[in-house]
Amino acid sequence: MTAHIDPLVGALHAAGPFGPLSEKLDLFGQFVGAWDLEWYGKNHDGHDIMVPGELHFGWVLGGRAVQDVWRVPVDPADAPGMRGFHGTTIRFYDSEIDAWRSTWLDPLNGCVRRFVGRPVDGGIVLDGLDDDPRARWTFRDITAETFRWIGELSRDGGRTWVLDEEMRARRRRS
């Protein structure tokens, strides 16, 4: 039996990066694959919690962009009392600004956020373009098998930042 490939998936998915931009595309291309997550944050009562999740990165749109899908928790019923999220980000390199444009969509929470991302000190910093409140997302401690993702918020225009959440990622073995 031949596996059926959804036409949308076939049109969206790419086998790898667009050749002429492959060096720039590697900033997020290094994450392509499946990851297991540990999400650290606060529950609705303000207590520290850890919830498992998953993350999948892949090449899309002719290899000119990277899309990811975040699911924390994997099953929303598994995390009463926390603000779960199931969303996706489309990221692409914009040579006009020598940076990555990134848009996060989270239908579970009705959230859309835009960012501009650049490499900083061995990590990646995504500066939010929207206020509600302003967000900064950072990939840190990046290795081939692990990374940390830090989410911070600012309610004073970016003068001060408060840790909102952290995720620790480990590449899933095939």
N, C-alpha and C. Protein backbone atom coordinates (compact mmCIF):
# COMPACT_ATOMS: atom_id res chain seq x y z
N MET A 1 0.84 -1.17 0.00
CA MET A 1 0.00 0.00 0.00
C MET A 1 0.89 1.24 0.00
N THR A 2 0.60 2.21 -0.84
CA THR A 2 1.36 3.44 -0.92
C THR A 2 0.82 4.42 0.10
N ALA A 3 1.72 5.04 0.84
CA ALA A 3 1.30 6.02 1.84
C ALA A 3 0.74 7.25 1.13
N HIS A 4 -0.35 7.75 1.63
CA HIS A 4 -0.97 8.95 1.09
C HIS A 4 -0.32 10.18 1.72
N ILE A 5 0.13 11.11 0.89
CA ILE A 5 0.69 12.36 1.39
C ILE A 5 -0.33 13.45 1.13
N ASP A 6 -0.74 14.11 2.19
CA ASP A 6 -1.68 15.20 2.09
C ASP A 6 -1.11 16.26 1.13
N PRO A 7 -1.91 16.77 0.19
CA PRO A 7 -1.40 17.76 -0.76
C PRO A 7 -0.84 19.01 -0.08
N LEU A 8 -1.44 19.45 1.01
CA LEU A 8 -0.91 20.61 1.73
C LEU A 8 0.47 20.31 2.29
N VAL A 9 0.62 19.16 2.94
CA VAL A 9 1.91 18.77 3.50
C VAL A 9 2.95 18.68 2.39
N GLY A 10 2.59 18.07 1.26
CA GLY A 10 3.51 17.95 0.15
C GLY A 10 3.93 19.31 -0.41
N ALA A 11 3.00 20.25 -0.47
CA ALA A 11 3.32 21.58 -0.98
C ALA A 11 4.13 22.40 0.02
N LEU A 12 3.91 22.18 1.30
CA LEU A 12 4.58 22.95 2.34
C LEU A 12 5.98 22.44 2.64
N HIS A 13 6.13 21.14 2.78
CA HIS A 13 7.39 20.52 3.21
C HIS A 13 8.49 20.68 2.17
N ALA A 14 9.73 20.84 2.64
CA ALA A 14 10.91 20.86 1.78
C ALA A 14 11.93 19.89 2.35
N ALA A 15 12.73 19.28 1.48
CA ALA A 15 13.70 18.28 1.91
C ALA A 15 14.90 18.89 2.63
N GLY A 16 15.18 20.15 2.40
CA GLY A 16 16.33 20.79 3.02
C GLY A 16 16.35 22.27 2.71
N PRO A 17 17.42 22.95 3.11
CA PRO A 17 17.49 24.40 2.92
C PRO A 17 17.69 24.79 1.46
N PHE A 18 17.23 25.95 1.10
CA PHE A 18 17.45 26.54 -0.21
C PHE A 18 18.95 26.83 -0.33
N GLY A 19 19.60 26.17 -1.30
CA GLY A 19 21.05 26.17 -1.44
C GLY A 19 21.77 27.50 -1.27
N PRO A 20 21.41 28.54 -2.05
CA PRO A 20 22.16 29.80 -1.95
C PRO A 20 22.10 30.47 -0.57
N LEU A 21 21.10 30.13 0.24
CA LEU A 21 20.97 30.74 1.57
C LEU A 21 21.30 29.77 2.70
N SER A 22 21.82 28.59 2.37
CA SER A 22 21.94 27.53 3.38
C SER A 22 22.76 27.96 4.60
N GLU A 23 23.80 28.76 4.42
CA GLU A 23 24.60 29.18 5.57
C GLU A 23 23.77 30.04 6.53
N LYS A 24 23.03 31.01 6.01
CA LYS A 24 22.17 31.85 6.86
C LYS A 24 21.02 31.03 7.45
N LEU A 25 20.49 30.11 6.66
CA LEU A 25 19.35 29.31 7.11
C LEU A 25 19.71 28.34 8.22
N ASP A 26 20.99 28.06 8.39
CA ASP A 26 21.41 27.10 9.41
C ASP A 26 21.16 27.60 10.83
N LEU A 27 20.96 28.92 11.01
CA LEU A 27 20.72 29.44 12.36
C LEU A 27 19.54 28.70 13.00
N PHE A 28 18.44 28.55 12.28
CA PHE A 28 17.31 27.78 12.79
C PHE A 28 17.26 26.38 12.20
N GLY A 29 17.92 26.17 11.07
CA GLY A 29 17.97 24.85 10.46
C GLY A 29 18.62 23.81 11.35
N GLN A 30 19.50 24.26 12.24
CA GLN A 30 20.16 23.32 13.16
C GLN A 30 19.17 22.59 14.07
N PHE A 31 17.96 23.12 14.19
CA PHE A 31 16.96 22.51 15.07
C PHE A 31 16.04 21.52 14.35
N VAL A 32 16.18 21.37 13.04
CA VAL A 32 15.28 20.50 12.30
C VAL A 32 15.31 19.10 12.90
N GLY A 33 14.13 18.59 13.20
CA GLY A 33 13.98 17.28 13.83
C GLY A 33 12.95 17.35 14.94
N ALA A 34 12.89 16.29 15.72
CA ALA A 34 11.92 16.18 16.82
C ALA A 34 12.63 16.32 18.16
N TRP A 35 11.97 16.99 19.09
CA TRP A 35 12.53 17.29 20.40
C TRP A 35 11.51 16.98 21.49
N ASP A 36 12.00 16.52 22.63
CA ASP A 36 11.18 16.38 23.83
C ASP A 36 11.47 17.59 24.71
N LEU A 37 10.42 18.12 25.33
CA LEU A 37 10.54 19.34 26.12
C LEU A 37 10.18 19.11 27.59
N GLU A 38 10.81 19.89 28.43
CA GLU A 38 10.36 20.09 29.82
C GLU A 38 10.05 21.57 29.93
N TRP A 39 8.78 21.90 30.17
CA TRP A 39 8.35 23.29 30.31
C TRP A 39 8.33 23.64 31.79
N TYR A 40 8.98 24.75 32.15
CA TYR A 40 9.00 25.23 33.52
C TYR A 40 8.33 26.59 33.57
N GLY A 41 7.38 26.74 34.47
CA GLY A 41 6.67 28.00 34.62
C GLY A 41 5.81 27.94 35.86
N LYS A 42 4.79 28.77 35.86
CA LYS A 42 3.86 28.84 37.00
C LYS A 42 2.50 28.31 36.58
N ASN A 43 1.84 27.64 37.52
CA ASN A 43 0.46 27.24 37.25
C ASN A 43 -0.45 28.44 37.53
N HIS A 44 -1.74 28.27 37.36
CA HIS A 44 -2.68 29.38 37.57
C HIS A 44 -2.67 29.87 39.01
N ASP A 45 -2.21 29.05 39.94
CA ASP A 45 -2.14 29.44 41.35
C ASP A 45 -0.81 30.09 41.71
N GLY A 46 0.09 30.23 40.73
CA GLY A 46 1.38 30.87 40.98
C GLY A 46 2.47 29.95 41.47
N HIS A 47 2.22 28.65 41.49
CA HIS A 47 3.22 27.68 41.94
C HIS A 47 4.06 27.20 40.77
N ASP A 48 5.35 26.95 41.03
CA ASP A 48 6.25 26.42 40.01
C ASP A 48 5.83 25.02 39.61
N ILE A 49 5.82 24.77 38.31
CA ILE A 49 5.50 23.44 37.81
C ILE A 49 6.40 23.11 36.62
N MET A 50 6.49 21.81 36.30
CA MET A 50 7.15 21.33 35.10
C MET A 50 6.16 20.44 34.38
N VAL A 51 6.02 20.66 33.07
CA VAL A 51 5.10 19.90 32.25
C VAL A 51 5.85 19.41 31.02
N PRO A 52 5.69 18.14 30.63
CA PRO A 52 6.35 17.66 29.41
C PRO A 52 5.65 18.18 28.15
N GLY A 53 6.43 18.29 27.10
CA GLY A 53 5.90 18.70 25.81
C GLY A 53 6.74 18.15 24.68
N GLU A 54 6.41 18.59 23.47
CA GLU A 54 7.18 18.16 22.31
C GLU A 54 7.29 19.30 21.32
N LEU A 55 8.32 19.20 20.48
CA LEU A 55 8.63 20.23 19.50
C LEU A 55 9.12 19.56 18.23
N HIS A 56 8.66 20.06 17.10
CA HIS A 56 9.08 19.52 15.80
C HIS A 56 9.45 20.69 14.89
N PHE A 57 10.67 20.66 14.32
CA PHE A 57 11.15 21.65 13.36
C PHE A 57 11.27 21.00 12.00
N GLY A 58 10.97 21.73 10.94
CA GLY A 58 11.16 21.20 9.59
C GLY A 58 11.31 22.32 8.56
N TRP A 59 11.87 21.95 7.42
CA TRP A 59 12.04 22.87 6.30
C TRP A 59 10.71 23.00 5.57
N VAL A 60 10.37 24.23 5.17
CA VAL A 60 9.14 24.48 4.43
C VAL A 60 9.39 25.52 3.34
N LEU A 61 8.39 25.69 2.49
CA LEU A 61 8.36 26.74 1.47
C LEU A 61 9.61 26.78 0.61
N GLY A 62 9.90 25.65 -0.01
CA GLY A 62 11.04 25.56 -0.90
C GLY A 62 12.38 25.62 -0.19
N GLY A 63 12.38 25.32 1.12
CA GLY A 63 13.61 25.36 1.90
C GLY A 63 14.05 26.77 2.27
N ARG A 64 13.19 27.75 2.07
CA ARG A 64 13.51 29.14 2.40
C ARG A 64 13.05 29.53 3.80
N ALA A 65 12.36 28.62 4.46
CA ALA A 65 11.83 28.91 5.81
C ALA A 65 11.89 27.64 6.65
N VAL A 66 11.81 27.86 7.96
CA VAL A 66 11.74 26.77 8.92
C VAL A 66 10.43 26.95 9.69
N GLN A 67 9.69 25.86 9.82
CA GLN A 67 8.47 25.89 10.61
C GLN A 67 8.64 24.96 11.78
N ASP A 68 8.09 25.37 12.92
CA ASP A 68 8.10 24.49 14.08
C ASP A 68 6.71 24.38 14.66
N VAL A 69 6.48 23.29 15.37
CA VAL A 69 5.21 23.05 16.05
C VAL A 69 5.55 22.70 17.50
N TRP A 70 5.00 23.48 18.43
CA TRP A 70 5.22 23.31 19.87
C TRP A 70 3.91 22.81 20.47
N ARG A 71 4.01 21.78 21.32
CA ARG A 71 2.83 21.25 22.01
C ARG A 71 3.19 21.04 23.48
N VAL A 72 2.64 21.89 24.32
CA VAL A 72 2.89 21.81 25.76
C VAL A 72 1.56 22.02 26.47
N PRO A 73 1.08 21.03 27.16
CA PRO A 73 1.51 19.64 27.14
C PRO A 73 1.05 18.99 25.83
N VAL A 74 1.51 17.77 25.60
CA VAL A 74 1.13 17.05 24.40
C VAL A 74 -0.40 16.90 24.36
N ASP A 75 -0.99 16.54 25.48
CA ASP A 75 -2.45 16.45 25.60
C ASP A 75 -2.88 17.52 26.60
N PRO A 76 -3.64 18.54 26.17
CA PRO A 76 -4.05 19.62 27.09
C PRO A 76 -4.73 19.12 28.35
N ALA A 77 -5.36 17.96 28.30
CA ALA A 77 -6.02 17.42 29.49
C ALA A 77 -5.02 17.00 30.55
N ASP A 78 -3.73 16.90 30.19
CA ASP A 78 -2.71 16.45 31.13
C ASP A 78 -2.20 17.56 32.06
N ALA A 79 -2.63 18.79 31.86
CA ALA A 79 -2.07 19.87 32.65
C ALA A 79 -3.13 20.81 33.20
N PRO A 80 -3.99 20.31 34.05
CA PRO A 80 -4.96 21.24 34.65
C PRO A 80 -4.23 22.30 35.45
N GLY A 81 -4.70 23.51 35.35
CA GLY A 81 -4.12 24.59 36.14
C GLY A 81 -2.96 25.30 35.49
N MET A 82 -2.55 24.93 34.27
CA MET A 82 -1.46 25.66 33.60
C MET A 82 -1.96 26.15 32.26
N ARG A 83 -1.29 27.15 31.74
CA ARG A 83 -1.68 27.68 30.43
C ARG A 83 -0.93 26.92 29.34
N GLY A 84 -1.53 25.86 28.88
CA GLY A 84 -0.92 25.09 27.81
C GLY A 84 -0.94 25.85 26.51
N PHE A 85 -0.15 25.40 25.56
CA PHE A 85 -0.15 26.00 24.24
C PHE A 85 0.18 24.95 23.20
N HIS A 86 -0.48 25.07 22.07
CA HIS A 86 -0.21 24.25 20.89
C HIS A 86 -0.15 25.25 19.76
N GLY A 87 1.06 25.50 19.25
CA GLY A 87 1.21 26.52 18.23
C GLY A 87 2.31 26.23 17.26
N THR A 88 2.48 27.15 16.33
CA THR A 88 3.48 27.00 15.29
C THR A 88 4.15 28.34 15.01
N THR A 89 5.39 28.25 14.58
CA THR A 89 6.15 29.43 14.18
C THR A 89 6.64 29.22 12.76
N ILE A 90 6.51 30.24 11.95
CA ILE A 90 7.15 30.26 10.63
C ILE A 90 8.29 31.26 10.75
N ARG A 91 9.51 30.83 10.37
CA ARG A 91 10.70 31.67 10.48
C ARG A 91 11.40 31.69 9.12
N PHE A 92 11.80 32.89 8.68
CA PHE A 92 12.56 32.97 7.43
C PHE A 92 13.61 34.07 7.55
N TYR A 93 14.72 33.87 6.84
CA TYR A 93 15.80 34.85 6.83
C TYR A 93 15.45 35.96 5.85
N ASP A 94 15.57 37.21 6.31
CA ASP A 94 15.31 38.39 5.49
C ASP A 94 16.63 39.11 5.24
N SER A 95 17.15 39.00 4.04
CA SER A 95 18.46 39.59 3.73
C SER A 95 18.44 41.12 3.81
N GLU A 96 17.28 41.74 3.67
CA GLU A 96 17.18 43.20 3.76
C GLU A 96 17.56 43.72 5.15
N ILE A 97 17.29 42.94 6.18
CA ILE A 97 17.62 43.36 7.55
C ILE A 97 18.69 42.47 8.18
N ASP A 98 19.19 41.48 7.41
CA ASP A 98 20.18 40.51 7.89
C ASP A 98 19.74 39.90 9.22
N ALA A 99 18.50 39.44 9.24
CA ALA A 99 17.92 38.84 10.45
C ALA A 99 16.77 37.94 10.03
N TRP A 100 16.25 37.23 11.01
CA TRP A 100 15.12 36.32 10.80
C TRP A 100 13.82 36.99 11.20
N ARG A 101 12.82 36.87 10.38
CA ARG A 101 11.45 37.26 10.74
C ARG A 101 10.75 36.00 11.23
N SER A 102 10.00 36.15 12.28
CA SER A 102 9.39 35.00 12.93
C SER A 102 7.99 35.38 13.40
N THR A 103 7.02 34.54 13.09
CA THR A 103 5.64 34.78 13.55
C THR A 103 5.12 33.53 14.25
N TRP A 104 4.69 33.72 15.48
CA TRP A 104 4.14 32.66 16.32
C TRP A 104 2.62 32.73 16.25
N LEU A 105 1.99 31.56 16.04
CA LEU A 105 0.53 31.44 16.02
C LEU A 105 0.13 30.38 17.02
N ASP A 106 -0.73 30.74 17.96
CA ASP A 106 -1.17 29.82 19.00
C ASP A 106 -2.70 29.85 19.05
N PRO A 107 -3.36 29.01 18.23
CA PRO A 107 -4.82 29.04 18.21
C PRO A 107 -5.46 28.60 19.53
N LEU A 108 -4.76 27.82 20.32
CA LEU A 108 -5.30 27.37 21.60
C LEU A 108 -5.56 28.56 22.52
N ASN A 109 -4.71 29.61 22.41
CA ASN A 109 -4.83 30.79 23.26
C ASN A 109 -5.18 32.06 22.49
N GLY A 110 -5.45 31.93 21.18
CA GLY A 110 -5.80 33.10 20.38
C GLY A 110 -4.68 34.11 20.31
N CYS A 111 -3.44 33.64 20.16
CA CYS A 111 -2.28 34.51 20.24
C CYS A 111 -1.49 34.53 18.92
N VAL A 112 -1.09 35.71 18.50
CA VAL A 112 -0.18 35.90 17.37
C VAL A 112 0.90 36.87 17.84
N ARG A 113 2.16 36.50 17.64
CA ARG A 113 3.28 37.37 18.02
C ARG A 113 4.31 37.39 16.90
N ARG A 114 4.87 38.58 16.67
CA ARG A 114 5.91 38.74 15.65
C ARG A 114 7.24 39.08 16.31
N PHE A 115 8.33 38.56 15.72
CA PHE A 115 9.67 38.76 16.27
C PHE A 115 10.67 38.98 15.14
N VAL A 116 11.81 39.57 15.51
CA VAL A 116 12.99 39.61 14.66
C VAL A 116 14.09 38.93 15.45
N GLY A 117 14.73 37.92 14.83
CA GLY A 117 15.73 37.12 15.53
C GLY A 117 17.12 37.26 14.92
N ARG A 118 18.11 37.25 15.82
CA ARG A 118 19.51 37.34 15.40
C ARG A 118 20.37 36.49 16.33
N PRO A 119 21.52 36.01 15.80
CA PRO A 119 22.45 35.31 16.68
C PRO A 119 23.10 36.30 17.65
N VAL A 120 23.20 35.89 18.91
CA VAL A 120 23.82 36.73 19.95
C VAL A 120 24.58 35.81 20.90
N ASP A 121 25.89 36.01 21.02
CA ASP A 121 26.71 35.29 21.99
C ASP A 121 26.48 33.78 21.99
N GLY A 122 26.48 33.16 20.82
CA GLY A 122 26.31 31.71 20.72
C GLY A 122 24.88 31.23 20.86
N GLY A 123 23.95 32.14 21.03
CA GLY A 123 22.53 31.80 21.12
C GLY A 123 21.75 32.54 20.06
N ILE A 124 20.45 32.60 20.22
CA ILE A 124 19.58 33.32 19.30
C ILE A 124 18.60 34.12 20.15
N VAL A 125 18.50 35.43 19.86
CA VAL A 125 17.56 36.29 20.57
C VAL A 125 16.49 36.75 19.58
N LEU A 126 15.24 36.52 19.96
CA LEU A 126 14.10 36.97 19.17
C LEU A 126 13.43 38.11 19.93
N ASP A 127 13.53 39.31 19.36
CA ASP A 127 12.92 40.48 19.99
C ASP A 127 11.52 40.68 19.46
N GLY A 128 10.56 40.77 20.39
CA GLY A 128 9.17 40.94 20.01
C GLY A 128 8.89 42.29 19.40
N LEU A 129 8.01 42.30 18.41
CA LEU A 129 7.60 43.54 17.76
C LEU A 129 6.24 44.01 18.25
N ASP A 130 5.58 43.20 19.05
CA ASP A 130 4.24 43.52 19.54
C ASP A 130 4.29 43.76 21.05
N ASP A 131 3.41 44.63 21.52
CA ASP A 131 3.29 44.88 22.95
C ASP A 131 1.96 44.33 23.44
N ASP A 132 2.01 43.42 24.39
CA ASP A 132 0.77 42.89 24.97
C ASP A 132 1.07 41.73 25.89
N PRO A 133 2.02 41.74 26.75
CA PRO A 133 3.14 42.68 26.85
C PRO A 133 4.24 42.34 25.84
N ARG A 134 5.29 43.14 25.85
CA ARG A 134 6.42 42.89 24.95
C ARG A 134 7.12 41.60 25.37
N ALA A 135 7.54 40.81 24.37
CA ALA A 135 8.18 39.52 24.66
C ALA A 135 9.58 39.46 24.05
N ARG A 136 10.43 38.69 24.70
CA ARG A 136 11.75 38.36 24.17
C ARG A 136 11.95 36.87 24.40
N TRP A 137 12.27 36.17 23.32
CA TRP A 137 12.49 34.73 23.39
C TRP A 137 13.93 34.44 23.02
N THR A 138 14.59 33.58 23.78
CA THR A 138 16.01 33.30 23.58
C THR A 138 16.28 31.80 23.56
N PHE A 139 17.04 31.37 22.59
CA PHE A 139 17.59 30.01 22.55
C PHE A 139 19.00 30.11 23.11
N ARG A 140 19.31 29.33 24.14
CA ARG A 140 20.62 29.37 24.81
C ARG A 140 21.19 27.97 24.95
N ASP A 141 22.48 27.93 25.27
CA ASP A 141 23.14 26.65 25.57
C ASP A 141 22.86 25.62 24.47
N ILE A 142 22.99 26.05 23.23
CA ILE A 142 22.65 25.21 22.08
C ILE A 142 23.77 24.20 21.80
N THR A 143 23.39 22.93 21.76
CA THR A 143 24.28 21.87 21.29
C THR A 143 23.51 21.09 20.23
N ALA A 144 24.13 20.09 19.65
CA ALA A 144 23.44 19.26 18.65
C ALA A 144 22.28 18.47 19.28
N GLU A 145 22.34 18.24 20.59
CA GLU A 145 21.35 17.39 21.26
C GLU A 145 20.44 18.11 22.24
N THR A 146 20.79 19.33 22.65
CA THR A 146 20.01 20.03 23.68
C THR A 146 20.02 21.53 23.44
N PHE A 147 19.06 22.21 24.02
CA PHE A 147 19.08 23.67 24.11
C PHE A 147 18.10 24.09 25.20
N ARG A 148 18.25 25.34 25.64
CA ARG A 148 17.30 25.96 26.57
C ARG A 148 16.60 27.08 25.82
N TRP A 149 15.31 27.21 26.06
CA TRP A 149 14.50 28.29 25.49
C TRP A 149 13.98 29.10 26.66
N ILE A 150 14.20 30.41 26.61
CA ILE A 150 13.80 31.30 27.69
C ILE A 150 12.77 32.29 27.14
N GLY A 151 11.64 32.43 27.82
CA GLY A 151 10.63 33.42 27.47
C GLY A 151 10.57 34.49 28.55
N GLU A 152 10.78 35.74 28.14
CA GLU A 152 10.74 36.87 29.08
C GLU A 152 9.70 37.88 28.62
N LEU A 153 9.17 38.63 29.57
CA LEU A 153 8.18 39.67 29.29
C LEU A 153 8.64 41.00 29.87
N SER A 154 8.26 42.08 29.20
CA SER A 154 8.54 43.43 29.70
C SER A 154 7.25 44.23 29.64
N ARG A 155 6.95 44.89 30.74
CA ARG A 155 5.77 45.73 30.80
C ARG A 155 6.14 47.21 30.83
N ASP A 156 7.44 47.50 30.57
CA ASP A 156 7.90 48.89 30.58
C ASP A 156 8.70 49.24 29.31
N GLY A 157 8.26 48.67 28.18
CA GLY A 157 8.89 49.00 26.91
C GLY A 157 10.27 48.42 26.70
N GLY A 158 10.62 47.37 27.45
CA GLY A 158 11.90 46.71 27.26
C GLY A 158 13.02 47.20 28.18
N ARG A 159 12.70 48.06 29.14
CA ARG A 159 13.72 48.52 30.08
C ARG A 159 14.09 47.42 31.07
N THR A 160 13.08 46.65 31.51
CA THR A 160 13.33 45.53 32.41
C THR A 160 12.58 44.31 31.89
N TRP A 161 13.12 43.12 32.20
CA TRP A 161 12.55 41.87 31.72
C TRP A 161 12.33 40.94 32.90
N VAL A 162 11.24 40.18 32.84
CA VAL A 162 10.90 39.20 33.86
C VAL A 162 10.78 37.83 33.20
N LEU A 163 11.40 36.82 33.81
CA LEU A 163 11.28 35.45 33.31
C LEU A 163 9.83 35.00 33.39
N ASP A 164 9.28 34.53 32.27
CA ASP A 164 7.91 34.04 32.22
C ASP A 164 7.88 32.52 32.18
N GLU A 165 8.79 31.94 31.38
CA GLU A 165 8.81 30.49 31.23
C GLU A 165 10.16 30.06 30.68
N GLU A 166 10.46 28.78 30.87
CA GLU A 166 11.69 28.20 30.34
C GLU A 166 11.37 26.80 29.85
N MET A 167 12.02 26.42 28.75
CA MET A 167 11.90 25.06 28.26
C MET A 167 13.29 24.48 28.05
N ARG A 168 13.44 23.25 28.43
CA ARG A 168 14.68 22.51 28.18
C ARG A 168 14.35 21.44 27.16
N ALA A 169 15.11 21.44 26.08
CA ALA A 169 14.83 20.55 24.96
C ALA A 169 15.93 19.52 24.79
N ARG A 170 15.53 18.31 24.47
CA ARG A 170 16.47 17.21 24.17
C ARG A 170 16.01 16.57 22.87
N ARG A 171 16.96 16.47 21.92
CA ARG A 171 16.64 15.88 20.62
C ARG A 171 16.15 14.44 20.79
N ARG A 172 15.08 14.13 20.11
CA ARG A 172 14.50 12.80 20.16
C ARG A 172 15.32 11.87 19.26
N ARG A 173 15.63 10.73 19.77
CA ARG A 173 16.37 9.71 18.99
C ARG A 173 15.42 9.04 18.01
N SER A 174 15.90 8.75 16.82
CA SER A 174 15.06 8.09 15.80
C SER A 174 14.74 6.68 16.21
